[in-house]
Amino acid sequence: MDKIKERMNTLRLEAEDAQEKVEELKAKVRTMEQENLAKEQEITSLNHRNQLLEGEVEKMETTLKEAKDAANQSAQHDTQNEALQRRLQILEEEAEEADRNLRETNEKLRQTDVKAGHYERKVQALEASRDQWESKYEEMAKKHAELQKDLHDLEVSISNV
């Protein structure tokens, strides 16, 4: 019987050890379950954060696309602006040339007006001189006619004598 008692004690000790191991394993299982729950919560949190970050990435990609489009438009506007500035410079040069031509034309016109005034005065003087000559011619023609008549009268009176 001592062997049975000894065996029972051994079995009790083994059962106690087994019970302790079971308690230890249960504690480990609880700890692991808690860790697993914490990790699942962390995974859920990370998934949520990942979704938020993906949304931010989409927003940033949209913003980047808009910025690239704006940069392209800006580059196009710069090109158009440069073309317009070159055109403006050409037009300004043409306007300066037209202004020079206008000033030259105005000066020539002024000189022509001065010359026209001078020639007009000459024409008036010549017309006045012509009028004087015509008056003299008419007077001389009258005198000539009178002298012709006097000569004719004289011839008639001489022939009558």
N, C-alpha and C. Protein backbone atom coordinates (compact mmCIF):
# COMPACT_ATOMS: atom_id res chain seq x y z
N MET A 1 0.76 -1.15 0.00
CA MET A 1 0.00 0.00 0.00
C MET A 1 0.83 1.26 0.00
N ASP A 2 1.92 1.11 0.52
CA ASP A 2 2.81 2.25 0.48
C ASP A 2 3.15 2.60 -0.96
N LYS A 3 3.14 1.65 -1.74
CA LYS A 3 3.45 1.93 -3.13
C LYS A 3 2.28 2.66 -3.75
N ILE A 4 1.12 2.29 -3.39
CA ILE A 4 -0.06 2.94 -3.94
C ILE A 4 -0.09 4.35 -3.43
N LYS A 5 0.22 4.55 -2.15
CA LYS A 5 0.23 5.89 -1.59
C LYS A 5 1.29 6.71 -2.28
N GLU A 6 2.36 6.11 -2.46
CA GLU A 6 3.44 6.80 -3.13
C GLU A 6 3.02 7.13 -4.56
N ARG A 7 2.41 6.19 -5.17
CA ARG A 7 1.96 6.40 -6.53
C ARG A 7 0.89 7.47 -6.55
N MET A 8 0.03 7.50 -5.59
CA MET A 8 -1.03 8.49 -5.49
C MET A 8 -0.44 9.87 -5.24
N ASN A 9 0.52 9.88 -4.38
CA ASN A 9 1.20 11.15 -4.11
C ASN A 9 1.88 11.63 -5.39
N THR A 10 2.48 10.72 -6.05
CA THR A 10 3.15 11.09 -7.29
C THR A 10 2.10 11.59 -8.28
N LEU A 11 0.98 10.86 -8.36
CA LEU A 11 -0.07 11.27 -9.28
C LEU A 11 -0.65 12.62 -8.85
N ARG A 12 -0.79 12.81 -7.52
CA ARG A 12 -1.28 14.10 -7.03
C ARG A 12 -0.32 15.21 -7.39
N LEU A 13 0.93 14.94 -7.18
CA LEU A 13 1.95 15.92 -7.53
C LEU A 13 1.92 16.21 -9.03
N GLU A 14 1.80 15.14 -9.79
CA GLU A 14 1.74 15.32 -11.24
C GLU A 14 0.48 16.08 -11.62
N ALA A 15 -0.65 15.78 -10.93
CA ALA A 15 -1.91 16.45 -11.19
C ALA A 15 -1.79 17.92 -10.80
N GLU A 16 -1.13 18.19 -9.66
CA GLU A 16 -0.93 19.58 -9.24
C GLU A 16 -0.05 20.32 -10.26
N ASP A 17 1.01 19.59 -10.67
CA ASP A 17 1.88 20.18 -11.69
C ASP A 17 1.09 20.43 -12.98
N ALA A 18 0.29 19.44 -13.32
CA ALA A 18 -0.51 19.57 -14.53
C ALA A 18 -1.50 20.71 -14.37
N GLN A 19 -2.10 20.82 -13.13
CA GLN A 19 -3.06 21.90 -12.86
C GLN A 19 -2.35 23.25 -12.95
N GLU A 20 -1.13 23.30 -12.37
CA GLU A 20 -0.37 24.54 -12.46
C GLU A 20 -0.06 24.89 -13.90
N LYS A 21 0.30 23.84 -14.66
CA LYS A 21 0.60 24.06 -16.07
C LYS A 21 -0.65 24.53 -16.81
N VAL A 22 -1.81 23.91 -16.47
CA VAL A 22 -3.06 24.30 -17.11
C VAL A 22 -3.35 25.76 -16.77
N GLU A 23 -3.16 26.13 -15.48
CA GLU A 23 -3.39 27.51 -15.06
C GLU A 23 -2.43 28.45 -15.80
N GLU A 24 -1.18 28.00 -15.86
CA GLU A 24 -0.19 28.80 -16.60
C GLU A 24 -0.59 28.95 -18.06
N LEU A 25 -1.00 27.83 -18.67
CA LEU A 25 -1.38 27.87 -20.08
C LEU A 25 -2.64 28.71 -20.28
N LYS A 26 -3.60 28.60 -19.31
CA LYS A 26 -4.80 29.44 -19.41
C LYS A 26 -4.43 30.92 -19.33
N ALA A 27 -3.49 31.22 -18.40
CA ALA A 27 -3.04 32.61 -18.28
C ALA A 27 -2.36 33.04 -19.58
N LYS A 28 -1.54 32.15 -20.16
CA LYS A 28 -0.88 32.46 -21.42
C LYS A 28 -1.93 32.66 -22.52
N VAL A 29 -2.97 31.79 -22.55
CA VAL A 29 -4.02 31.89 -23.55
C VAL A 29 -4.74 33.22 -23.40
N ARG A 30 -5.07 33.59 -22.11
CA ARG A 30 -5.72 34.89 -21.87
C ARG A 30 -4.83 36.04 -22.33
N THR A 31 -3.55 35.92 -21.99
CA THR A 31 -2.61 36.97 -22.40
C THR A 31 -2.55 37.03 -23.92
N MET A 32 -2.46 35.89 -24.56
CA MET A 32 -2.39 35.85 -26.02
C MET A 32 -3.68 36.37 -26.64
N GLU A 33 -4.83 36.00 -26.02
CA GLU A 33 -6.11 36.50 -26.54
C GLU A 33 -6.17 38.02 -26.43
N GLN A 34 -5.69 38.54 -25.29
CA GLN A 34 -5.67 39.99 -25.11
C GLN A 34 -4.72 40.64 -26.13
N GLU A 35 -3.55 40.01 -26.29
CA GLU A 35 -2.61 40.52 -27.29
C GLU A 35 -3.21 40.46 -28.69
N ASN A 36 -3.91 39.32 -28.96
CA ASN A 36 -4.54 39.14 -30.26
C ASN A 36 -5.62 40.22 -30.46
N LEU A 37 -6.42 40.49 -29.42
CA LEU A 37 -7.45 41.51 -29.50
C LEU A 37 -6.82 42.89 -29.72
N ALA A 38 -5.74 43.16 -28.98
CA ALA A 38 -5.04 44.44 -29.14
C ALA A 38 -4.49 44.54 -30.57
N LYS A 39 -3.94 43.43 -31.09
CA LYS A 39 -3.39 43.46 -32.44
C LYS A 39 -4.52 43.63 -33.46
N GLU A 40 -5.68 42.98 -33.23
CA GLU A 40 -6.81 43.16 -34.15
C GLU A 40 -7.28 44.62 -34.13
N GLN A 41 -7.32 45.20 -32.92
CA GLN A 41 -7.71 46.61 -32.82
C GLN A 41 -6.67 47.50 -33.54
N GLU A 42 -5.41 47.14 -33.35
CA GLU A 42 -4.35 47.89 -34.03
C GLU A 42 -4.47 47.74 -35.55
N ILE A 43 -4.79 46.52 -36.00
CA ILE A 43 -4.98 46.27 -37.44
C ILE A 43 -6.16 47.10 -37.94
N THR A 44 -7.27 47.10 -37.18
CA THR A 44 -8.44 47.89 -37.57
C THR A 44 -8.07 49.37 -37.63
N SER A 45 -7.34 49.81 -36.60
CA SER A 45 -6.91 51.21 -36.58
C SER A 45 -6.00 51.51 -37.76
N LEU A 46 -5.06 50.60 -38.03
CA LEU A 46 -4.15 50.80 -39.15
C LEU A 46 -4.89 50.77 -40.49
N ASN A 47 -5.90 49.87 -40.60
CA ASN A 47 -6.70 49.83 -41.83
C ASN A 47 -7.44 51.16 -42.02
N HIS A 48 -8.02 51.67 -40.92
CA HIS A 48 -8.72 52.95 -40.99
C HIS A 48 -7.75 54.06 -41.38
N ARG A 49 -6.60 54.05 -40.71
CA ARG A 49 -5.59 55.07 -41.01
C ARG A 49 -5.12 54.93 -42.47
N ASN A 50 -4.96 53.70 -42.93
CA ASN A 50 -4.56 53.45 -44.32
C ASN A 50 -5.60 54.02 -45.29
N GLN A 51 -6.89 53.79 -44.96
CA GLN A 51 -7.95 54.35 -45.82
C GLN A 51 -7.88 55.88 -45.84
N LEU A 52 -7.66 56.48 -44.66
CA LEU A 52 -7.55 57.94 -44.59
C LEU A 52 -6.35 58.41 -45.42
N LEU A 53 -5.24 57.70 -45.28
CA LEU A 53 -4.04 58.08 -46.04
C LEU A 53 -4.25 57.90 -47.54
N GLU A 54 -4.97 56.84 -47.93
CA GLU A 54 -5.27 56.65 -49.35
C GLU A 54 -6.13 57.81 -49.86
N GLY A 55 -7.09 58.25 -49.03
CA GLY A 55 -7.90 59.42 -49.39
C GLY A 55 -7.03 60.65 -49.54
N GLU A 56 -6.10 60.83 -48.62
CA GLU A 56 -5.18 61.97 -48.70
C GLU A 56 -4.31 61.87 -49.95
N VAL A 57 -3.85 60.64 -50.27
CA VAL A 57 -3.04 60.45 -51.47
C VAL A 57 -3.85 60.83 -52.71
N GLU A 58 -5.13 60.38 -52.76
CA GLU A 58 -5.99 60.73 -53.89
C GLU A 58 -6.15 62.25 -53.99
N LYS A 59 -6.38 62.89 -52.83
CA LYS A 59 -6.51 64.36 -52.84
C LYS A 59 -5.23 65.00 -53.33
N MET A 60 -4.09 64.49 -52.84
CA MET A 60 -2.80 65.05 -53.26
C MET A 60 -2.55 64.81 -54.73
N GLU A 61 -2.93 63.62 -55.23
CA GLU A 61 -2.77 63.35 -56.66
C GLU A 61 -3.63 64.30 -57.48
N THR A 62 -4.87 64.54 -57.01
CA THR A 62 -5.75 65.50 -57.69
C THR A 62 -5.14 66.89 -57.65
N THR A 63 -4.66 67.28 -56.46
CA THR A 63 -4.03 68.59 -56.33
C THR A 63 -2.80 68.69 -57.22
N LEU A 64 -2.02 67.62 -57.26
CA LEU A 64 -0.83 67.60 -58.11
C LEU A 64 -1.21 67.73 -59.58
N LYS A 65 -2.26 67.00 -60.00
CA LYS A 65 -2.72 67.09 -61.38
C LYS A 65 -3.17 68.51 -61.68
N GLU A 66 -3.94 69.10 -60.75
CA GLU A 66 -4.40 70.48 -60.94
C GLU A 66 -3.22 71.43 -61.01
N ALA A 67 -2.22 71.20 -60.16
CA ALA A 67 -1.03 72.07 -60.16
C ALA A 67 -0.27 71.92 -61.47
N LYS A 68 -0.17 70.67 -61.97
CA LYS A 68 0.51 70.46 -63.25
C LYS A 68 -0.27 71.15 -64.38
N ASP A 69 -1.61 71.01 -64.34
CA ASP A 69 -2.43 71.67 -65.35
C ASP A 69 -2.24 73.18 -65.28
N ALA A 70 -2.25 73.71 -64.05
CA ALA A 70 -2.06 75.15 -63.87
C ALA A 70 -0.67 75.57 -64.37
N ALA A 71 0.34 74.73 -64.09
CA ALA A 71 1.69 75.04 -64.56
C ALA A 71 1.74 75.03 -66.09
N ASN A 72 1.06 74.04 -66.69
CA ASN A 72 1.02 73.99 -68.17
C ASN A 72 0.31 75.23 -68.72
N GLN A 73 -0.82 75.59 -68.10
CA GLN A 73 -1.54 76.78 -68.54
C GLN A 73 -0.67 78.02 -68.35
N SER A 74 0.04 78.05 -67.24
CA SER A 74 0.92 79.18 -66.97
C SER A 74 2.01 79.26 -68.04
N ALA A 75 2.56 78.10 -68.39
CA ALA A 75 3.59 78.07 -69.44
C ALA A 75 3.00 78.54 -70.76
N GLN A 76 1.76 78.10 -71.05
CA GLN A 76 1.11 78.55 -72.29
C GLN A 76 0.87 80.06 -72.23
N HIS A 77 0.43 80.54 -71.06
CA HIS A 77 0.20 81.97 -70.91
C HIS A 77 1.51 82.74 -71.06
N ASP A 78 2.59 82.17 -70.50
CA ASP A 78 3.89 82.82 -70.65
C ASP A 78 4.27 82.91 -72.13
N THR A 79 4.06 81.81 -72.85
CA THR A 79 4.38 81.79 -74.28
C THR A 79 3.52 82.82 -75.02
N GLN A 80 2.22 82.84 -74.70
CA GLN A 80 1.32 83.81 -75.34
C GLN A 80 1.73 85.22 -74.96
N ASN A 81 2.10 85.40 -73.70
CA ASN A 81 2.50 86.73 -73.22
C ASN A 81 3.75 87.19 -73.98
N GLU A 82 4.72 86.27 -74.15
CA GLU A 82 5.93 86.63 -74.89
C GLU A 82 5.60 86.99 -76.33
N ALA A 83 4.70 86.21 -76.95
CA ALA A 83 4.31 86.50 -78.34
C ALA A 83 3.61 87.86 -78.41
N LEU A 84 2.74 88.12 -77.44
CA LEU A 84 2.04 89.40 -77.43
C LEU A 84 3.01 90.56 -77.16
N GLN A 85 4.00 90.32 -76.32
CA GLN A 85 4.98 91.38 -76.05
C GLN A 85 5.81 91.66 -77.32
N ARG A 86 6.18 90.60 -78.04
CA ARG A 86 6.91 90.80 -79.30
C ARG A 86 6.04 91.55 -80.29
N ARG A 87 4.77 91.17 -80.37
CA ARG A 87 3.83 91.85 -81.28
C ARG A 87 3.66 93.31 -80.86
N LEU A 88 3.56 93.55 -79.56
CA LEU A 88 3.43 94.91 -79.06
C LEU A 88 4.66 95.73 -79.41
N GLN A 89 5.84 95.13 -79.27
CA GLN A 89 7.08 95.83 -79.62
C GLN A 89 7.09 96.18 -81.10
N ILE A 90 6.67 95.22 -81.93
CA ILE A 90 6.62 95.48 -83.38
C ILE A 90 5.64 96.60 -83.68
N LEU A 91 4.47 96.55 -83.03
CA LEU A 91 3.47 97.59 -83.25
C LEU A 91 3.97 98.95 -82.77
N GLU A 92 4.69 98.96 -81.65
CA GLU A 92 5.25 100.23 -81.16
C GLU A 92 6.27 100.79 -82.15
N GLU A 93 7.10 99.88 -82.70
CA GLU A 93 8.09 100.32 -83.69
C GLU A 93 7.38 100.85 -84.94
N GLU A 94 6.33 100.14 -85.36
CA GLU A 94 5.57 100.60 -86.52
C GLU A 94 4.91 101.94 -86.23
N ALA A 95 4.40 102.11 -84.99
CA ALA A 95 3.77 103.38 -84.62
C ALA A 95 4.80 104.50 -84.63
N GLU A 96 6.00 104.22 -84.12
CA GLU A 96 7.06 105.23 -84.14
C GLU A 96 7.41 105.61 -85.58
N GLU A 97 7.51 104.60 -86.45
CA GLU A 97 7.81 104.86 -87.86
C GLU A 97 6.69 105.68 -88.50
N ALA A 98 5.45 105.30 -88.20
CA ALA A 98 4.31 106.05 -88.75
C ALA A 98 4.30 107.48 -88.22
N ASP A 99 4.68 107.66 -86.95
CA ASP A 99 4.74 109.00 -86.36
C ASP A 99 5.83 109.83 -87.05
N ARG A 100 6.99 109.20 -87.30
CA ARG A 100 8.07 109.91 -88.02
C ARG A 100 7.59 110.31 -89.42
N ASN A 101 6.95 109.36 -90.10
CA ASN A 101 6.45 109.65 -91.44
C ASN A 101 5.42 110.77 -91.40
N LEU A 102 4.56 110.75 -90.39
CA LEU A 102 3.55 111.79 -90.25
C LEU A 102 4.20 113.15 -90.02
N ARG A 103 5.22 113.18 -89.15
CA ARG A 103 5.92 114.45 -88.90
C ARG A 103 6.59 114.95 -90.18
N GLU A 104 7.24 114.02 -90.92
CA GLU A 104 7.88 114.41 -92.18
C GLU A 104 6.84 114.92 -93.17
N THR A 105 5.72 114.21 -93.26
CA THR A 105 4.66 114.62 -94.18
C THR A 105 4.10 115.97 -93.78
N ASN A 106 3.91 116.17 -92.48
CA ASN A 106 3.40 117.47 -92.00
C ASN A 106 4.39 118.58 -92.32
N GLU A 107 5.69 118.30 -92.17
CA GLU A 107 6.71 119.31 -92.48
C GLU A 107 6.69 119.62 -93.97
N LYS A 108 6.61 118.57 -94.80
CA LYS A 108 6.55 118.79 -96.24
C LYS A 108 5.29 119.55 -96.62
N LEU A 109 4.17 119.22 -95.96
CA LEU A 109 2.92 119.92 -96.22
C LEU A 109 3.03 121.39 -95.83
N ARG A 110 3.68 121.64 -94.68
CA ARG A 110 3.88 123.02 -94.25
C ARG A 110 4.74 123.77 -95.27
N GLN A 111 5.81 123.12 -95.73
CA GLN A 111 6.67 123.74 -96.73
C GLN A 111 5.90 123.97 -98.03
N THR A 112 5.06 122.99 -98.39
CA THR A 112 4.25 123.14 -99.60
C THR A 112 3.27 124.30 -99.43
N ASP A 113 2.68 124.43 -98.23
CA ASP A 113 1.77 125.54 -97.96
C ASP A 113 2.51 126.88 -98.08
N VAL A 114 3.75 126.91 -97.55
CA VAL A 114 4.54 128.15 -97.63
C VAL A 114 4.81 128.47 -99.10
N LYS A 115 5.23 127.44 -99.87
CA LYS A 115 5.51 127.65 -101.29
C LYS A 115 4.24 128.05 -102.03
N ALA A 116 3.12 127.39 -101.68
CA ALA A 116 1.85 127.71 -102.35
C ALA A 116 1.48 129.16 -102.07
N GLY A 117 1.68 129.60 -100.81
CA GLY A 117 1.41 131.00 -100.47
C GLY A 117 2.29 131.93 -101.27
N HIS A 118 3.56 131.58 -101.39
CA HIS A 118 4.52 132.39 -102.14
C HIS A 118 4.09 132.48 -103.61
N TYR A 119 3.76 131.30 -104.21
CA TYR A 119 3.36 131.31 -105.62
C TYR A 119 2.02 131.99 -105.82
N GLU A 120 1.14 131.86 -104.82
CA GLU A 120 -0.15 132.54 -104.92
C GLU A 120 0.06 134.06 -104.96
N ARG A 121 0.97 134.53 -104.10
CA ARG A 121 1.27 135.97 -104.13
C ARG A 121 1.89 136.36 -105.48
N LYS A 122 2.76 135.47 -106.01
CA LYS A 122 3.35 135.75 -107.32
C LYS A 122 2.27 135.80 -108.39
N VAL A 123 1.34 134.82 -108.32
CA VAL A 123 0.26 134.79 -109.30
C VAL A 123 -0.57 136.06 -109.19
N GLN A 124 -0.88 136.49 -107.97
CA GLN A 124 -1.65 137.72 -107.77
C GLN A 124 -0.91 138.92 -108.34
N ALA A 125 0.41 138.94 -108.08
CA ALA A 125 1.21 140.06 -108.60
C ALA A 125 1.21 140.02 -110.13
N LEU A 126 1.35 138.82 -110.70
CA LEU A 126 1.35 138.70 -112.16
C LEU A 126 -0.02 139.05 -112.74
N GLU A 127 -1.09 138.61 -112.04
CA GLU A 127 -2.43 138.96 -112.51
C GLU A 127 -2.63 140.48 -112.47
N ALA A 128 -2.13 141.10 -111.40
CA ALA A 128 -2.24 142.56 -111.29
C ALA A 128 -1.45 143.23 -112.43
N SER A 129 -0.26 142.68 -112.68
CA SER A 129 0.56 143.22 -113.77
C SER A 129 -0.14 143.01 -115.11
N ARG A 130 -0.72 141.84 -115.31
CA ARG A 130 -1.46 141.55 -116.54
C ARG A 130 -2.62 142.52 -116.69
N ASP A 131 -3.36 142.72 -115.56
CA ASP A 131 -4.49 143.65 -115.60
C ASP A 131 -4.00 145.05 -116.00
N GLN A 132 -2.86 145.45 -115.45
CA GLN A 132 -2.31 146.76 -115.82
C GLN A 132 -1.98 146.80 -117.31
N TRP A 133 -1.33 145.72 -117.79
CA TRP A 133 -0.97 145.67 -119.20
C TRP A 133 -2.21 145.66 -120.09
N GLU A 134 -3.25 144.94 -119.65
CA GLU A 134 -4.49 144.93 -120.43
C GLU A 134 -5.09 146.32 -120.48
N SER A 135 -5.08 147.00 -119.29
CA SER A 135 -5.61 148.37 -119.26
C SER A 135 -4.81 149.25 -120.20
N LYS A 136 -3.48 149.13 -120.14
CA LYS A 136 -2.62 149.93 -121.03
C LYS A 136 -2.91 149.58 -122.48
N TYR A 137 -3.11 148.27 -122.78
CA TYR A 137 -3.38 147.85 -124.14
C TYR A 137 -4.69 148.46 -124.62
N GLU A 138 -5.72 148.40 -123.73
CA GLU A 138 -7.00 148.97 -124.12
C GLU A 138 -6.88 150.48 -124.36
N GLU A 139 -6.13 151.16 -123.46
CA GLU A 139 -5.92 152.60 -123.66
C GLU A 139 -5.20 152.84 -124.97
N MET A 140 -4.17 152.06 -125.23
CA MET A 140 -3.41 152.23 -126.46
C MET A 140 -4.28 151.90 -127.67
N ALA A 141 -5.12 150.90 -127.53
CA ALA A 141 -5.99 150.53 -128.64
C ALA A 141 -6.96 151.67 -128.92
N LYS A 142 -7.48 152.30 -127.84
CA LYS A 142 -8.37 153.44 -128.02
C LYS A 142 -7.62 154.58 -128.70
N LYS A 143 -6.42 154.86 -128.18
CA LYS A 143 -5.61 155.93 -128.77
C LYS A 143 -5.31 155.61 -130.23
N HIS A 144 -4.98 154.34 -130.51
CA HIS A 144 -4.69 153.94 -131.86
C HIS A 144 -5.92 154.14 -132.75
N ALA A 145 -7.09 153.75 -132.19
CA ALA A 145 -8.32 153.91 -132.96
C ALA A 145 -8.58 155.39 -133.19
N GLU A 146 -8.34 156.20 -132.17
CA GLU A 146 -8.55 157.65 -132.30
C GLU A 146 -7.56 158.22 -133.34
N LEU A 147 -6.30 157.77 -133.21
CA LEU A 147 -5.29 158.24 -134.16
C LEU A 147 -5.64 157.78 -135.57
N GLN A 148 -6.13 156.58 -135.72
CA GLN A 148 -6.53 156.06 -137.01
C GLN A 148 -7.65 156.94 -137.56
N LYS A 149 -8.59 157.27 -136.70
CA LYS A 149 -9.71 158.09 -137.12
C LYS A 149 -9.20 159.48 -137.50
N ASP A 150 -8.33 160.04 -136.61
CA ASP A 150 -7.76 161.35 -136.92
C ASP A 150 -7.00 161.31 -138.24
N LEU A 151 -6.24 160.24 -138.46
CA LEU A 151 -5.49 160.10 -139.70
C LEU A 151 -6.44 160.00 -140.88
N HIS A 152 -7.48 159.28 -140.73
CA HIS A 152 -8.45 159.12 -141.79
C HIS A 152 -9.13 160.46 -142.06
N ASP A 153 -9.48 161.15 -140.97
CA ASP A 153 -10.10 162.47 -141.12
C ASP A 153 -9.11 163.42 -141.84
N LEU A 154 -7.87 163.32 -141.44
CA LEU A 154 -6.85 164.17 -142.05
C LEU A 154 -6.73 163.83 -143.53
N GLU A 155 -6.74 162.58 -143.90
CA GLU A 155 -6.63 162.16 -145.29
C GLU A 155 -7.84 162.68 -146.08
N VAL A 156 -8.98 162.57 -145.47
CA VAL A 156 -10.20 163.04 -146.13
C VAL A 156 -10.10 164.56 -146.30
N SER A 157 -9.69 165.26 -145.28
CA SER A 157 -9.61 166.71 -145.41
C SER A 157 -8.50 167.08 -146.38
N ILE A 158 -7.42 166.39 -146.50
CA ILE A 158 -6.36 166.68 -147.45
C ILE A 158 -6.88 166.36 -148.85
N SER A 159 -7.60 165.34 -149.00
CA SER A 159 -8.06 165.00 -150.33
C SER A 159 -9.14 166.00 -150.77
N ASN A 160 -9.75 166.63 -149.88
CA ASN A 160 -10.76 167.61 -150.22
C ASN A 160 -10.07 168.92 -150.57
N VAL A 161 -8.98 169.12 -150.23
CA VAL A 161 -8.30 170.40 -150.52
C VAL A 161 -7.78 170.32 -151.88
